C-alpha atoms as a PDB file:
ATOM      1  CA  MET A   1      17.359 -31.211  -7.958  1.00  0.00           C
ATOM      2  CA  ASN A   2      18.549 -31.076  -4.966  1.00  0.00           C
ATOM      3  CA  ARG A   3      20.180 -34.315  -3.396  1.00  0.00           C
ATOM      4  CA  ALA A   4      20.501 -34.484   0.308  1.00  0.00           C
ATOM      5  CA  ARG A   5      23.206 -36.532   1.219  1.00  0.00           C
ATOM      6  CA  GLN A   6      20.676 -38.454   3.646  1.00  0.00           C
ATOM      7  CA  SER A   7      18.859 -39.808   1.047  1.00  0.00           C
ATOM      8  CA  HIS A   8      18.378 -40.298  -2.596  1.00  0.00           C
ATOM      9  CA  PHE A   9      15.247 -39.257  -3.030  1.00  0.00           C
ATOM     10  CA  ARG A  10      15.398 -35.798  -4.731  1.00  0.00           C
ATOM     11  CA  ILE A  11      13.136 -32.522  -4.085  1.00  0.00           C
ATOM     12  CA  PRO A  12      13.700 -29.886  -6.629  1.00  0.00           C
ATOM     13  CA  GLU A  13      14.981 -26.057  -5.917  1.00  0.00           C
ATOM     14  CA  SER A  14      11.141 -24.271  -5.835  1.00  0.00           C
ATOM     15  CA  LEU A  15       9.699 -26.779  -3.192  1.00  0.00           C
ATOM     16  CA  ILE A  16      12.461 -28.081  -1.175  1.00  0.00           C
ATOM     17  CA  GLY A  17      10.604 -25.682   1.583  1.00  0.00           C
ATOM     18  CA  ASP A  18       7.615 -27.964   1.800  1.00  0.00           C
ATOM     19  CA  TYR A  19       9.521 -31.107   3.225  1.00  0.00           C
ATOM     20  CA  ARG A  20      12.211 -31.189   6.263  1.00  0.00           C
ATOM     21  CA  LEU A  21      13.837 -34.550   6.395  1.00  0.00           C
ATOM     22  CA  TRP A  22      12.956 -37.383   7.991  1.00  0.00           C
ATOM     23  CA  ALA A  23      14.487 -37.797  11.445  1.00  0.00           C
ATOM     24  CA  GLY A  24      13.788 -41.256  12.813  1.00  0.00           C
ATOM     25  CA  PRO A  25      16.626 -44.148  13.403  1.00  0.00           C
ATOM     26  CA  GLU A  26      15.572 -47.109  11.167  1.00  0.00           C
ATOM     27  CA  TRP A  27      14.404 -44.646   8.082  1.00  0.00           C
ATOM     28  CA  GLU A  28      15.341 -41.596   5.634  1.00  0.00           C
ATOM     29  CA  GLY A  29      14.048 -39.040   3.367  1.00  0.00           C
ATOM     30  CA  TRP A  30      11.526 -36.685   2.907  1.00  0.00           C
ATOM     31  CA  ILE A  31       8.566 -35.748   4.801  1.00  0.00           C
ATOM     32  CA  ASP A  32       6.240 -32.429   4.004  1.00  0.00           C
ATOM     33  CA  ARG A  33       6.138 -30.416   6.883  1.00  0.00           C
ATOM     34  CA  THR A  34       2.683 -29.112   7.316  1.00  0.00           C
ATOM     35  CA  LEU A  35       2.009 -33.379   7.130  1.00  0.00           C
ATOM     36  CA  PHE A  36       4.701 -34.124   9.889  1.00  0.00           C
ATOM     37  CA  ASP A  37       3.343 -30.905  11.869  1.00  0.00           C
ATOM     38  CA  ARG A  38      -0.380 -33.314  12.245  1.00  0.00           C
ATOM     39  CA  MET A  39       0.996 -36.719  12.602  1.00  0.00           C
ATOM     40  CA  ALA A  40       0.904 -38.280  16.163  1.00  0.00           C
ATOM     41  CA  ALA A  41       3.585 -39.531  18.245  1.00  0.00           C
ATOM     42  CA  GLU A  42       3.002 -43.038  17.187  1.00  0.00           C
ATOM     43  CA  GLU A  43       2.756 -42.178  13.634  1.00  0.00           C
ATOM     44  CA  THR A  44       6.633 -39.913  13.715  1.00  0.00           C
ATOM     45  CA  ALA A  45       8.007 -42.320  15.775  1.00  0.00           C
ATOM     46  CA  ASP A  46       7.327 -45.578  13.115  1.00  0.00           C
ATOM     47  CA  PRO A  47       5.490 -44.144   9.616  1.00  0.00           C
ATOM     48  CA  GLU A  48       4.420 -47.892   9.344  1.00  0.00           C
ATOM     49  CA  ASN A  49       1.715 -46.290  11.717  1.00  0.00           C
ATOM     50  CA  LEU A  50       0.441 -44.560   9.439  1.00  0.00           C
ATOM     51  CA  PHE A  51      -1.514 -47.340   7.557  1.00  0.00           C
ATOM     52  CA  ARG A  52      -3.154 -48.747  10.878  1.00  0.00           C
ATOM     53  CA  VAL A  53      -5.332 -45.066  11.828  1.00  0.00           C
ATOM     54  CA  PRO A  54      -8.534 -45.161  12.734  1.00  0.00           C
ATOM     55  CA  GLY A  55     -10.595 -43.934   9.466  1.00  0.00           C
ATOM     56  CA  ALA A  56      -7.524 -45.549   7.191  1.00  0.00           C
ATOM     57  CA  LYS A  57      -9.349 -47.487   3.435  1.00  0.00           C
ATOM     58  CA  MET A  58      -6.470 -50.191   3.159  1.00  0.00           C
ATOM     59  CA  VAL A  59      -6.201 -51.902  -0.226  1.00  0.00           C
ATOM     60  CA  ARG A  60      -3.919 -54.946  -0.964  1.00  0.00           C
ATOM     61  CA  ASP A  61      -2.457 -56.126  -4.517  1.00  0.00           C
ATOM     62  CA  LYS A  62      -0.472 -59.200  -4.789  1.00  0.00           C
ATOM     63  CA  ARG A  63       3.349 -56.742  -3.943  1.00  0.00           C
ATOM     64  CA  ASN A  64       2.547 -53.739  -1.931  1.00  0.00           C
ATOM     65  CA  LEU A  65       0.461 -52.508   0.363  1.00  0.00           C
ATOM     66  CA  THR A  66      -1.396 -49.163   0.252  1.00  0.00           C
ATOM     67  CA  ALA A  67      -4.131 -47.135   1.999  1.00  0.00           C
ATOM     68  CA  ARG A  68      -6.307 -43.561   2.124  1.00  0.00           C
ATOM     69  CA  ILE A  69      -5.980 -41.727   4.619  1.00  0.00           C
ATOM     70  CA  VAL A  70      -9.143 -39.406   5.576  1.00  0.00           C
ATOM     71  CA  PHE A  71      -8.017 -36.192   6.933  1.00  0.00           C
ATOM     72  CA  GLU A  72     -10.318 -33.472   8.611  1.00  0.00           C
ATOM     73  CA  ASP A  73      -9.757 -31.119   5.211  1.00  0.00           C
ATOM     74  CA  SER A  74      -7.949 -33.381   2.972  1.00  0.00           C
ATOM     75  CA  SER A  75      -6.975 -36.852   2.060  1.00  0.00           C
ATOM     76  CA  ILE A  76      -3.882 -38.580   0.906  1.00  0.00           C
ATOM     77  CA  TRP A  77      -3.148 -42.394  -0.573  1.00  0.00           C
ATOM     78  CA  ILE A  78      -0.300 -44.474   0.714  1.00  0.00           C
ATOM     79  CA  LYS A  79       2.304 -47.007  -0.624  1.00  0.00           C
ATOM     80  CA  GLY A  80       4.742 -49.508   1.069  1.00  0.00           C
ATOM     81  CA  PHE A  81       7.234 -51.694  -0.142  1.00  0.00           C
ATOM     82  CA  ARG A  82       9.030 -54.611   0.850  1.00  0.00           C
ATOM     83  CA  PRO A  83      10.922 -57.426  -1.520  1.00  0.00           C
ATOM     84  CA  LYS A  84       8.675 -60.445  -2.438  1.00  0.00           C
ATOM     85  CA  ASN A  85      11.335 -63.077  -1.659  1.00  0.00           C
ATOM     86  CA  ALA A  86      15.840 -63.532  -1.320  1.00  0.00           C
ATOM     87  CA  MET A  87      15.673 -62.240  -5.266  1.00  0.00           C
ATOM     88  CA  ASP A  88      14.054 -59.162  -4.547  1.00  0.00           C
ATOM     89  CA  ARG A  89      15.945 -58.604  -2.170  1.00  0.00           C
ATOM     90  CA  PHE A  90      18.930 -59.225  -4.033  1.00  0.00           C
ATOM     91  CA  VAL A  91      17.463 -57.068  -6.967  1.00  0.00           C
ATOM     92  CA  TYR A  92      16.463 -53.977  -4.912  1.00  0.00           C
ATOM     93  CA  ALA A  93      20.200 -54.188  -2.757  1.00  0.00           C
ATOM     94  CA  MET A  94      22.330 -52.213  -5.905  1.00  0.00           C
ATOM     95  CA  LYS A  95      19.203 -49.972  -7.684  1.00  0.00           C
ATOM     96  CA  GLN A  96      16.808 -47.747  -5.908  1.00  0.00           C
ATOM     97  CA  GLY A  97      13.595 -48.897  -4.506  1.00  0.00           C
ATOM     98  CA  LYS A  98      10.338 -48.652  -6.232  1.00  0.00           C
ATOM     99  CA  ALA A  99       9.611 -45.613  -3.487  1.00  0.00           C
ATOM    100  CA  VAL A 100      12.181 -43.765  -4.697  1.00  0.00           C
ATOM    101  CA  ARG A 101      11.547 -44.059  -7.948  1.00  0.00           C
ATOM    102  CA  ALA A 102       8.079 -43.370  -7.638  1.00  0.00           C
ATOM    103  CA  TRP A 103       9.333 -39.935  -5.916  1.00  0.00           C
ATOM    104  CA  ASN A 104      11.167 -38.647  -7.722  1.00  0.00           C
ATOM    105  CA  ALA A 105       9.623 -39.617 -11.239  1.00  0.00           C
ATOM    106  CA  ALA A 106       6.308 -37.415  -9.735  1.00  0.00           C
ATOM    107  CA  MET A 107       9.133 -34.687  -9.062  1.00  0.00           C
ATOM    108  CA  VAL A 108      10.697 -34.582 -12.136  1.00  0.00           C
ATOM    109  CA  LEU A 109       7.191 -34.547 -13.758  1.00  0.00           C
ATOM    110  CA  LEU A 110       5.955 -31.452 -11.592  1.00  0.00           C
ATOM    111  CA  GLU A 111       9.051 -29.451 -12.095  1.00  0.00           C
ATOM    112  CA  LYS A 112       8.424 -29.512 -16.162  1.00  0.00           C
ATOM    113  CA  GLY A 113       4.731 -28.807 -15.227  1.00  0.00           C
ATOM    114  CA  PHE A 114       2.515 -31.329 -16.111  1.00  0.00           C
ATOM    115  CA  CYS A 115      -0.141 -32.734 -13.021  1.00  0.00           C
ATOM    116  CA  THR A 116       0.454 -35.328 -11.129  1.00  0.00           C
ATOM    117  CA  PRO A 117       0.228 -35.565  -7.141  1.00  0.00           C
ATOM    118  CA  LYS A 118       2.643 -34.204  -4.649  1.00  0.00           C
ATOM    119  CA  PRO A 119       4.408 -36.606  -2.797  1.00  0.00           C
ATOM    120  CA  LEU A 120       4.076 -36.147   0.318  1.00  0.00           C
ATOM    121  CA  ILE A 121       5.938 -38.899   2.172  1.00  0.00           C
ATOM    122  CA  GLY A 122       9.364 -40.717   1.063  1.00  0.00           C
ATOM    123  CA  LEU A 123      11.150 -42.966   3.418  1.00  0.00           C
ATOM    124  CA  GLN A 124      13.708 -45.600   2.826  1.00  0.00           C
ATOM    125  CA  ARG A 125      15.404 -48.086   4.669  1.00  0.00           C
ATOM    126  CA  THR A 126      17.901 -51.168   4.836  1.00  0.00           C
ATOM    127  CA  THR A 127      16.117 -54.289   6.202  1.00  0.00           C
ATOM    128  CA  ARG A 128      18.431 -56.484   8.185  1.00  0.00           C
ATOM    129  CA  ALA A 129      17.983 -59.127   5.257  1.00  0.00           C
ATOM    130  CA  GLY A 130      19.784 -56.865   2.540  1.00  0.00           C
ATOM    131  CA  GLY A 131      15.974 -55.659   1.302  1.00  0.00           C
ATOM    132  CA  VAL A 132      14.811 -52.689   0.695  1.00  0.00           C
ATOM    133  CA  ASP A 133      11.983 -51.120   2.364  1.00  0.00           C
ATOM    134  CA  GLY A 134       9.892 -48.038   0.946  1.00  0.00           C
ATOM    135  CA  ILE A 135       6.944 -45.940   1.986  1.00  0.00           C
ATOM    136  CA  VAL A 136       5.782 -43.208  -0.128  1.00  0.00           C
ATOM    137  CA  ALA A 137       2.673 -40.854   0.181  1.00  0.00           C
ATOM    138  CA  PHE A 138       0.929 -38.814  -2.034  1.00  0.00           C
ATOM    139  CA  GLU A 139      -2.194 -35.725  -1.873  1.00  0.00           C
ATOM    140  CA  ASP A 140      -5.173 -36.952  -3.007  1.00  0.00           C
ATOM    141  CA  LEU A 141      -7.056 -35.662  -6.494  1.00  0.00           C
ATOM    142  CA  SER A 142     -10.070 -36.169  -5.349  1.00  0.00           C
ATOM    143  CA  GLU A 143     -12.141 -33.687  -7.687  1.00  0.00           C
ATOM    144  CA  HIS A 144     -10.340 -36.160 -10.981  1.00  0.00           C
ATOM    145  CA  ARG A 145     -11.239 -39.281 -12.658  1.00  0.00           C
ATOM    146  CA  ALA A 146     -10.325 -42.106 -13.520  1.00  0.00           C
ATOM    147  CA  LEU A 147      -9.882 -42.307 -16.699  1.00  0.00           C
ATOM    148  CA  GLN A 148     -10.904 -45.336 -16.913  1.00  0.00           C
ATOM    149  CA  SER A 149     -14.455 -44.354 -15.468  1.00  0.00           C
ATOM    150  CA  LEU A 150     -15.350 -41.700 -17.234  1.00  0.00           C
ATOM    151  CA  LEU A 151     -14.402 -43.358 -20.634  1.00  0.00           C
ATOM    152  CA  ALA A 152     -17.169 -45.754 -19.373  1.00  0.00           C
ATOM    153  CA  ALA A 153     -19.703 -43.699 -18.110  1.00  0.00           C
ATOM    154  CA  ASP A 154     -23.317 -43.857 -20.258  1.00  0.00           C
ATOM    155  CA  SER A 155     -24.059 -40.505 -18.438  1.00  0.00           C
ATOM    156  CA  VAL A 156     -20.920 -38.927 -20.563  1.00  0.00           C
ATOM    157  CA  ASP A 157     -22.237 -37.444 -24.139  1.00  0.00           C
ATOM    158  CA  ALA A 158     -21.083 -38.574 -27.420  1.00  0.00           C
ATOM    159  CA  GLY A 159     -19.730 -35.215 -28.047  1.00  0.00           C
ATOM    160  CA  THR A 160     -17.673 -34.935 -24.167  1.00  0.00           C
ATOM    161  CA  ARG A 161     -16.051 -38.329 -25.143  1.00  0.00           C
ATOM    162  CA  THR A 162     -15.350 -36.765 -28.507  1.00  0.00           C
ATOM    163  CA  THR A 163     -13.366 -33.928 -26.173  1.00  0.00           C
ATOM    164  CA  VAL A 164     -12.041 -35.928 -23.740  1.00  0.00           C
ATOM    165  CA  MET A 165     -10.349 -38.794 -26.840  1.00  0.00           C
ATOM    166  CA  ALA A 166      -8.820 -36.007 -28.100  1.00  0.00           C
ATOM    167  CA  ASP A 167      -7.358 -33.456 -25.206  1.00  0.00           C
ATOM    168  CA  LEU A 168      -5.811 -37.310 -24.400  1.00  0.00           C
ATOM    169  CA  GLY A 169      -4.073 -37.440 -27.059  1.00  0.00           C
ATOM    170  CA  ASN A 170      -2.482 -34.031 -27.017  1.00  0.00           C
ATOM    171  CA  CYS A 171      -1.518 -34.188 -23.363  1.00  0.00           C
ATOM    172  CA  LEU A 172       0.195 -37.742 -24.221  1.00  0.00           C
ATOM    173  CA  ARG A 173       2.071 -35.558 -27.407  1.00  0.00           C
ATOM    174  CA  TYR A 174       3.112 -33.686 -25.114  1.00  0.00           C
ATOM    175  CA  PHE A 175       4.427 -36.154 -22.687  1.00  0.00           C
ATOM    176  CA  HIS A 176       6.089 -38.145 -25.319  1.00  0.00           C
ATOM    177  CA  ASP A 177       7.199 -35.245 -27.148  1.00  0.00           C
ATOM    178  CA  SER A 178       9.464 -33.961 -23.851  1.00  0.00           C
ATOM    179  CA  GLY A 179      10.653 -37.874 -23.980  1.00  0.00           C
ATOM    180  CA  PHE A 180       9.350 -39.554 -20.775  1.00  0.00           C
ATOM    181  CA  ARG A 181       7.620 -42.668 -21.681  1.00  0.00           C
ATOM    182  CA  HIS A 182       5.256 -44.228 -19.149  1.00  0.00           C
ATOM    183  CA  ARG A 183       6.013 -47.926 -18.895  1.00  0.00           C
ATOM    184  CA  ASP A 184       2.290 -48.734 -17.640  1.00  0.00           C
ATOM    185  CA  LEU A 185      -0.211 -46.363 -19.511  1.00  0.00           C
ATOM    186  CA  ARG A 186      -3.480 -47.776 -18.732  1.00  0.00           C
ATOM    187  CA  ARG A 187      -6.862 -45.968 -17.635  1.00  0.00           C
ATOM    188  CA  GLY A 188      -6.438 -46.551 -14.460  1.00  0.00           C
ATOM    189  CA  ASN A 189      -3.190 -44.823 -13.974  1.00  0.00           C
ATOM    190  CA  ILE A 190      -3.995 -41.919 -15.465  1.00  0.00           C
ATOM    191  CA  LEU A 191      -6.923 -39.517 -13.920  1.00  0.00           C
ATOM    192  CA  ALA A 192      -9.003 -36.656 -15.955  1.00  0.00           C
ATOM    193  CA  ALA A 193     -10.665 -33.260 -14.474  1.00  0.00           C
ATOM    194  CA  ARG A 194     -12.458 -30.756 -16.520  1.00  0.00           C
ATOM    195  CA  THR A 195     -11.209 -27.062 -17.070  1.00  0.00           C
ATOM    196  CA  ASN A 196     -12.333 -24.660 -18.812  1.00  0.00           C
ATOM    197  CA  GLY A 197     -13.176 -25.106 -21.683  1.00  0.00           C
ATOM    198  CA  GLY A 198     -11.282 -29.378 -22.314  1.00  0.00           C
ATOM    199  CA  TRP A 199     -10.053 -32.304 -19.831  1.00  0.00           C
ATOM    200  CA  ASN A 200      -6.917 -31.811 -17.822  1.00  0.00           C
ATOM    201  CA  PHE A 201      -4.867 -35.880 -16.833  1.00  0.00           C
ATOM    202  CA  CYS A 202      -2.346 -36.793 -14.685  1.00  0.00           C
ATOM    203  CA  PHE A 203      -0.165 -39.208 -14.070  1.00  0.00           C
ATOM    204  CA  LEU A 204       0.135 -41.907 -11.681  1.00  0.00           C
ATOM    205  CA  ASP A 205       2.195 -44.876 -10.843  1.00  0.00           C
ATOM    206  CA  LEU A 206       5.385 -44.138 -12.097  1.00  0.00           C
ATOM    207  CA  ASN A 207       7.652 -46.222 -10.504  1.00  0.00           C
ATOM    208  CA  ARG A 208       8.643 -47.039 -14.431  1.00  0.00           C
ATOM    209  CA  LEU A 209       8.617 -44.326 -15.775  1.00  0.00           C
ATOM    210  CA  ARG A 210      12.313 -43.764 -18.257  1.00  0.00           C
ATOM    211  CA  VAL A 211      13.607 -40.515 -20.004  1.00  0.00           C
ATOM    212  CA  GLN A 212      14.588 -41.117 -23.350  1.00  0.00           C
ATOM    213  CA  GLN A 213      14.582 -38.759 -26.499  1.00  0.00           C
ATOM    214  CA  PRO A 214      12.823 -38.919 -29.163  1.00  0.00           C
ATOM    215  CA  LEU A 215      10.656 -41.628 -28.114  1.00  0.00           C
ATOM    216  CA  THR A 216      10.737 -43.791 -31.844  1.00  0.00           C
ATOM    217  CA  GLU A 217       7.066 -44.533 -33.177  1.00  0.00           C
ATOM    218  CA  ILE A 218       6.779 -48.160 -32.258  1.00  0.00           C
ATOM    219  CA  GLN A 219       6.933 -47.022 -28.900  1.00  0.00           C
ATOM    220  CA  ARG A 220       5.039 -44.344 -28.781  1.00  0.00           C
ATOM    221  CA  LEU A 221       2.133 -47.355 -30.327  1.00  0.00           C
ATOM    222  CA  ARG A 222       3.732 -49.594 -27.029  1.00  0.00           C
ATOM    223  CA  GLU A 223       2.924 -46.739 -25.096  1.00  0.00           C
ATOM    224  CA  VAL A 224      -0.525 -46.502 -25.889  1.00  0.00           C
ATOM    225  CA  GLU A 225      -1.499 -48.898 -26.890  1.00  0.00           C
ATOM    226  CA  LYS A 226      -1.507 -50.513 -22.892  1.00  0.00           C
ATOM    227  CA  LEU A 227      -4.704 -47.713 -23.129  1.00  0.00           C
ATOM    228  CA  ASN A 228      -7.451 -50.093 -25.340  1.00  0.00           C
ATOM    229  CA  LEU A 229      -8.412 -47.233 -26.296  1.00  0.00           C
ATOM    230  CA  PRO A 230     -11.837 -47.143 -27.354  1.00  0.00           C
ATOM    231  CA  SER A 231     -12.751 -47.582 -31.161  1.00  0.00           C
ATOM    232  CA  TRP A 232     -14.998 -44.145 -31.360  1.00  0.00           C
ATOM    233  CA  GLY A 233     -12.211 -42.262 -30.159  1.00  0.00           C
ATOM    234  CA  LEU A 234      -9.486 -43.722 -31.707  1.00  0.00           C
ATOM    235  CA  GLU A 235      -9.635 -40.805 -34.591  1.00  0.00           C
ATOM    236  CA  PRO A 236      -9.610 -37.380 -32.352  1.00  0.00           C
ATOM    237  CA  PHE A 237      -6.897 -39.121 -30.482  1.00  0.00           C
ATOM    238  CA  PHE A 238      -4.426 -39.669 -33.057  1.00  0.00           C
ATOM    239  CA  ARG A 239      -5.111 -35.928 -35.226  1.00  0.00           C
ATOM    240  CA  ALA A 240      -4.355 -34.781 -31.717  1.00  0.00           C
ATOM    241  CA  TYR A 241      -1.264 -37.351 -31.271  1.00  0.00           C
ATOM    242  CA  MET A 242       0.325 -37.522 -34.177  1.00  0.00           C
ATOM    243  CA  PRO A 243      -1.001 -35.109 -35.904  1.00  0.00           C
ATOM    244  CA  ARG A 244       1.262 -35.505 -39.178  1.00  0.00           C
ATOM    245  CA  ARG A 245       0.597 -39.251 -39.386  1.00  0.00           C
ATOM    246  CA  ASN A 246      -3.223 -39.908 -41.465  1.00  0.00           C
ATOM    247  CA  SER A 247      -5.513 -40.375 -38.659  1.00  0.00           C
ATOM    248  CA  ALA A 248      -7.857 -43.178 -39.754  1.00  0.00           C
ATOM    249  CA  GLU A 249      -4.590 -45.069 -41.028  1.00  0.00           C
ATOM    250  CA  MET A 250      -3.034 -44.713 -37.654  1.00  0.00           C
ATOM    251  CA  ALA A 251      -6.300 -45.810 -36.053  1.00  0.00           C
ATOM    252  CA  ALA A 252      -6.615 -48.895 -38.483  1.00  0.00           C
ATOM    253  CA  THR A 253      -3.093 -49.682 -37.417  1.00  0.00           C
ATOM    254  CA  TYR A 254      -4.011 -49.174 -33.803  1.00  0.00           C
ATOM    255  CA  THR A 255      -7.095 -51.115 -33.646  1.00  0.00           C
ATOM    256  CA  GLU A 256      -5.229 -53.911 -35.542  1.00  0.00           C
ATOM    257  CA  ARG A 257      -2.918 -54.735 -33.442  1.00  0.00           C
ATOM    258  CA  VAL A 258      -5.130 -54.133 -30.719  1.00  0.00           C
ATOM    259  CA  ASP A 259      -7.102 -56.807 -32.289  1.00  0.00           C
ATOM    260  CA  TYR A 260      -4.714 -59.160 -32.427  1.00  0.00           C
ATOM    261  CA  ALA A 261      -3.329 -59.066 -28.820  1.00  0.00           C
ATOM    262  CA  ASP A 262      -6.663 -60.415 -27.984  1.00  0.00           C
ATOM    263  CA  ARG A 263      -6.817 -63.363 -30.986  1.00  0.00           C
ATOM    264  CA  LEU A 264      -3.698 -64.587 -29.140  1.00  0.00           C
ATOM    265  CA  GLU A 265      -4.950 -65.486 -26.361  1.00  0.00           C
ATOM    266  CA  HIS A 266      -7.967 -67.646 -27.677  1.00  0.00           C
ATOM    267  CA  LEU A 267      -5.183 -69.717 -28.601  1.00  0.00           C
ATOM    268  CA  PRO A 268      -4.101 -73.163 -27.335  1.00  0.00           C
ATOM    269  CA  LEU A 269      -1.556 -72.204 -24.967  1.00  0.00           C
ATOM    270  CA  GLY A 270      -3.234 -67.974 -25.511  1.00  0.00           C
ATOM    271  CA  LYS A 271      -1.806 -66.777 -22.949  1.00  0.00           C
ATOM    272  CA  LEU A 272       1.875 -67.537 -22.802  1.00  0.00           C
ATOM    273  CA  ILE A 273       1.517 -66.772 -27.097  1.00  0.00           C
ATOM    274  CA  ARG A 274       0.286 -64.070 -26.005  1.00  0.00           C
ATOM    275  CA  LYS A 275       2.628 -63.034 -23.353  1.00  0.00           C
ATOM    276  CA  SER A 276       5.530 -63.687 -25.431  1.00  0.00           C
ATOM    277  CA  TRP A 277       3.959 -61.781 -27.912  1.00  0.00           C
ATOM    278  CA  TYR A 278       3.771 -58.446 -25.563  1.00  0.00           C
ATOM    279  CA  TYR A 279       7.641 -58.876 -24.092  1.00  0.00           C
ATOM    280  CA  TRP A 280       8.193 -59.133 -28.508  1.00  0.00           C
ATOM    281  CA  TRP A 281       7.351 -55.806 -28.758  1.00  0.00           C
ATOM    282  CA  GLU A 282       8.203 -54.436 -25.465  1.00  0.00           C
ATOM    283  CA  LEU A 283      12.040 -55.430 -26.597  1.00  0.00           C
ATOM    284  CA  ARG A 284      11.704 -53.720 -29.791  1.00  0.00           C
ATOM    285  CA  ALA A 285      10.567 -50.700 -28.441  1.00  0.00           C
ATOM    286  CA  ILE A 286      13.149 -50.990 -24.637  1.00  0.00           C
ATOM    287  CA  GLY A 287      15.806 -47.985 -26.402  1.00  0.00           C
ATOM    288  CA  PHE A 288      18.786 -46.532 -24.817  1.00  0.00           C
ATOM    289  CA  ALA A 289      16.065 -45.000 -21.871  1.00  0.00           C
ATOM    290  CA  ARG A 290      16.996 -43.606 -17.973  1.00  0.00           C
ATOM    291  CA  ARG A 291      15.610 -43.264 -15.236  1.00  0.00           C
ATOM    292  CA  PRO A 292      14.557 -39.339 -13.832  1.00  0.00           C
END
């Protein structure tokens, strides 16, 4: 990895030629050269203006600001991170900002041969209040669709669904065998696309990614439990994901754990009990991991 003195954002040597340093007075980081050349002057002067370009589709959530920007021949996703409160400002003054984490995680996966959208913008600035703002943008993989919509689609036949689950199991086995823990592995954070004879999967929302080898069985189960996999696909999934284990037994164990968590929510104070159960197992699965 190549780390510029002006930035915490890392770039593999194989990709360094695709980027240029951001030259603005407030922000530091990197931007894709082709994207920079097509930006207007007001956007290169202040990258926050990208969220206000004509045709940008805004998506707001509780913590961040997200937009999809469409160009003539392509589109990108851009996300802005800002501290929510004084505690956030205090915490992120002492560790990597979310934009740096998302950028670096994507670069590590790309370098290892995994599919994830290529980072196009990675910027960070320190505010007067001591917090850290961040902007990160990625290419839009328009030929992919969310795993969530694929598994729910009535138009997908049973044979295709079985293939999807087996290929997903193979992909996650290789991902976890490589020492990566996504830590927010939900159906909406995996994209799928048909390839010759199978399916290709891409990982999104990587700012929680950790590196650890080897992963324990509890850590692996905690990852795939968050996918809430359908019962009809569990055996082909575990046959590929844990080939040395009995797939029927693993499917039964998985179902029991997921159903137990669901039943907790229907008890008095169920949401609190389920959240406690969730964090108990997260604590057991914590391990000695590092950021990429």
